[in-house]
Amino acid sequence: MKKLLIPFAIVGLLMSCGEKKEEKKGGFEMNRTKKEVKSAPVSEGVPVDMDNKGVGPIKSVSFADAIDADMAAKGQKIFSTICVACHMAEQRMIGPALKGVFERRSPEWVMNMILNPDGMLKEDPIAKALLKEYNNAIMLNQNLSEEDARAVSEYLRTM
């Protein structure tokens, strides 16, 4: 019986001395290469709608071709004081990124959102969708005048 076990042991020993195979183990792997992160100013789940004028006092707004620099400067001052708490130009924060907002929303909609966020969030489908997308973070009414809202809109055109 011992004579039979010896050849099996020798064969087993020879087989185990063969080429070493690398065994991959599952688990955590870290890649430290830097990737370029692009901000997404456009909301993914909310459609572009240039016909919606929103709910509020603004029924019609027309922008001149040229930007009114004085009005934009006033709007920038208001924006830097009030709006930057929740909005940035090219990056989502508590609220949407505002660069290119007039490519996604009508001027009337934007001004009505500035002047009447409570009414917009209750009745406007886009405002409701944005509210849902931004984790129910409501836009507070800043009690701006129509003139101030127009100045902020002029500033948003410069972004």
Protein backbone atom coordinates (compact mmCIF):
# COMPACT_ATOMS: atom_id res chain seq x y z
CA MET A 1 0.00 0.00 0.00
CA LYS A 2 2.88 2.34 0.83
CA LYS A 3 4.38 1.62 -2.57
CA LEU A 4 1.19 2.90 -4.22
CA LEU A 5 1.08 6.13 -2.21
CA ILE A 6 4.65 7.15 -3.08
CA PRO A 7 4.02 7.66 -6.85
CA PHE A 8 0.87 9.69 -6.09
CA ALA A 9 2.80 11.84 -3.66
CA ILE A 10 5.57 12.42 -6.21
CA VAL A 11 3.05 13.36 -8.94
CA GLY A 12 1.25 15.72 -6.55
CA LEU A 13 4.53 17.33 -5.56
CA LEU A 14 5.53 17.88 -9.18
CA MET A 15 2.16 19.41 -10.03
CA SER A 16 2.32 21.85 -7.14
CA CYS A 17 5.78 23.05 -8.21
CA GLY A 18 4.53 24.28 -11.56
CA GLU A 19 3.97 27.87 -12.68
CA LYS A 20 2.61 30.16 -10.01
CA LYS A 21 -0.72 31.68 -10.93
CA GLU A 22 -1.71 35.05 -9.53
CA GLU A 23 -4.99 34.93 -7.78
CA LYS A 24 -7.12 38.08 -7.84
CA LYS A 25 -9.03 38.79 -4.72
CA GLY A 26 -12.23 40.77 -4.68
CA GLY A 27 -12.29 43.87 -2.57
CA PHE A 28 -11.60 47.55 -2.54
CA GLU A 29 -9.40 49.08 -5.22
CA MET A 30 -8.52 52.75 -5.34
CA ASN A 31 -7.67 54.66 -8.49
CA ARG A 32 -5.92 57.96 -7.77
CA THR A 33 -6.07 59.43 -11.25
CA LYS A 34 -7.63 62.87 -11.37
CA LYS A 35 -10.77 63.10 -13.44
CA GLU A 36 -12.17 66.31 -14.84
CA VAL A 37 -15.50 67.06 -13.24
CA LYS A 38 -17.88 69.10 -15.33
CA SER A 39 -20.66 70.97 -13.65
CA ALA A 40 -24.12 70.49 -15.05
CA PRO A 41 -25.96 73.77 -15.10
CA VAL A 42 -28.98 72.22 -16.76
CA SER A 43 -31.28 70.23 -14.54
CA GLU A 44 -31.53 66.67 -15.76
CA GLY A 45 -35.10 65.93 -14.78
CA VAL A 46 -36.73 69.29 -15.53
CA PRO A 47 -37.63 70.08 -19.15
CA VAL A 48 -36.73 73.28 -20.96
CA ASP A 49 -39.86 75.39 -21.40
CA MET A 50 -39.58 78.82 -22.97
CA ASP A 51 -43.36 79.30 -23.30
CA ASN A 52 -44.18 79.05 -19.59
CA LYS A 53 -44.42 82.55 -18.08
CA GLY A 54 -45.00 81.33 -14.56
CA VAL A 55 -47.39 82.58 -11.90
CA GLY A 56 -47.06 86.13 -10.67
CA PRO A 57 -47.20 89.81 -11.55
CA ILE A 58 -44.91 89.69 -14.62
CA LYS A 59 -46.83 89.10 -17.83
CA SER A 60 -44.32 90.40 -20.37
CA VAL A 61 -40.60 91.21 -20.38
CA SER A 62 -38.48 92.15 -23.33
CA PHE A 63 -34.73 92.38 -23.18
CA ALA A 64 -32.77 94.82 -25.30
CA ASP A 65 -30.06 93.28 -27.46
CA ALA A 66 -27.35 95.07 -25.49
CA ILE A 67 -26.96 94.52 -21.77
CA ASP A 68 -27.62 97.57 -19.59
CA ALA A 69 -24.35 97.73 -17.64
CA ASP A 70 -25.73 99.95 -14.84
CA MET A 71 -28.74 97.71 -14.31
CA ALA A 72 -26.55 94.58 -14.43
CA ALA A 73 -24.21 96.09 -11.81
CA LYS A 74 -27.17 96.76 -9.54
CA GLY A 75 -28.39 93.20 -10.14
CA GLN A 76 -24.96 91.79 -9.35
CA LYS A 77 -24.94 93.64 -6.04
CA ILE A 78 -28.37 92.20 -5.15
CA PHE A 79 -27.33 88.73 -6.34
CA SER A 80 -24.12 88.80 -4.26
CA THR A 81 -26.05 89.88 -1.19
CA ILE A 82 -29.07 87.59 -1.39
CA CYS A 83 -28.90 84.90 -4.05
CA VAL A 84 -25.40 83.45 -3.55
CA ALA A 85 -26.56 81.71 -0.39
CA CYS A 86 -28.32 79.16 -2.63
CA HIS A 87 -27.18 79.77 -6.24
CA MET A 88 -23.93 79.84 -8.19
CA ALA A 89 -23.40 80.58 -11.85
CA GLU A 90 -22.08 77.22 -13.02
CA GLN A 91 -22.55 74.86 -10.12
CA ARG A 92 -25.59 73.32 -8.48
CA MET A 93 -25.96 74.17 -4.81
CA ILE A 94 -29.10 74.35 -2.75
CA GLY A 95 -30.71 75.74 -5.90
CA PRO A 96 -29.96 75.38 -9.62
CA ALA A 97 -26.95 76.86 -11.40
CA LEU A 98 -28.09 80.07 -13.08
CA LYS A 99 -25.71 80.41 -16.00
CA GLY A 100 -27.77 80.17 -19.19
CA VAL A 101 -31.07 80.29 -17.31
CA PHE A 102 -32.66 82.29 -20.15
CA GLU A 103 -31.89 79.41 -22.50
CA ARG A 104 -34.11 77.20 -20.33
CA ARG A 105 -36.75 79.58 -18.94
CA SER A 106 -38.59 82.63 -20.20
CA PRO A 107 -37.69 86.03 -18.71
CA GLU A 108 -41.21 86.25 -17.28
CA TRP A 109 -40.82 82.88 -15.56
CA VAL A 110 -37.50 83.90 -14.00
CA MET A 111 -38.83 87.22 -12.73
CA ASN A 112 -42.01 85.62 -11.40
CA MET A 113 -39.87 83.05 -9.57
CA ILE A 114 -37.86 85.89 -8.02
CA LEU A 115 -40.94 87.92 -7.08
CA ASN A 116 -43.45 85.18 -6.26
CA PRO A 117 -41.66 81.97 -5.25
CA ASP A 118 -44.51 80.87 -2.95
CA GLY A 119 -47.12 81.06 -5.72
CA MET A 120 -44.78 79.49 -8.25
CA LEU A 121 -43.98 76.54 -5.98
CA LYS A 122 -47.70 75.93 -5.40
CA GLU A 123 -48.95 76.28 -8.98
CA ASP A 124 -46.18 76.15 -11.59
CA PRO A 125 -45.24 72.67 -12.86
CA ILE A 126 -41.60 73.56 -13.54
CA ALA A 127 -41.15 75.17 -10.14
CA LYS A 128 -42.68 72.06 -8.55
CA ALA A 129 -40.31 69.81 -10.51
CA LEU A 130 -37.31 71.92 -9.46
CA LEU A 131 -38.47 71.79 -5.85
CA LYS A 132 -38.56 67.99 -6.04
CA GLU A 133 -35.17 67.82 -7.79
CA TYR A 134 -33.57 70.02 -5.14
CA ASN A 135 -34.77 67.97 -2.16
CA ASN A 136 -37.71 70.25 -1.32
CA ALA A 137 -35.44 73.20 -0.59
CA ILE A 138 -37.90 76.04 -1.07
CA MET A 139 -36.90 79.39 -2.48
CA LEU A 140 -37.74 82.05 0.05
CA ASN A 141 -39.47 85.27 -0.91
CA GLN A 142 -36.85 88.01 -0.65
CA ASN A 143 -39.50 90.74 -1.09
CA LEU A 144 -37.68 92.38 -3.99
CA SER A 145 -39.33 95.07 -6.07
CA GLU A 146 -40.03 94.51 -9.76
CA GLU A 147 -37.17 96.93 -10.49
CA ASP A 148 -34.79 94.84 -8.36
CA ALA A 149 -35.95 91.60 -9.99
CA ARG A 150 -35.39 93.17 -13.41
CA ALA A 151 -31.87 94.21 -12.34
CA VAL A 152 -31.10 90.66 -11.14
CA SER A 153 -32.42 89.33 -14.47
CA GLU A 154 -30.14 91.72 -16.35
CA TYR A 155 -27.20 90.47 -14.30
CA LEU A 156 -28.16 86.83 -15.02
CA ARG A 157 -27.90 87.67 -18.73
CA THR A 158 -24.19 88.45 -18.22
CA MET A 159 -23.36 84.98 -16.86
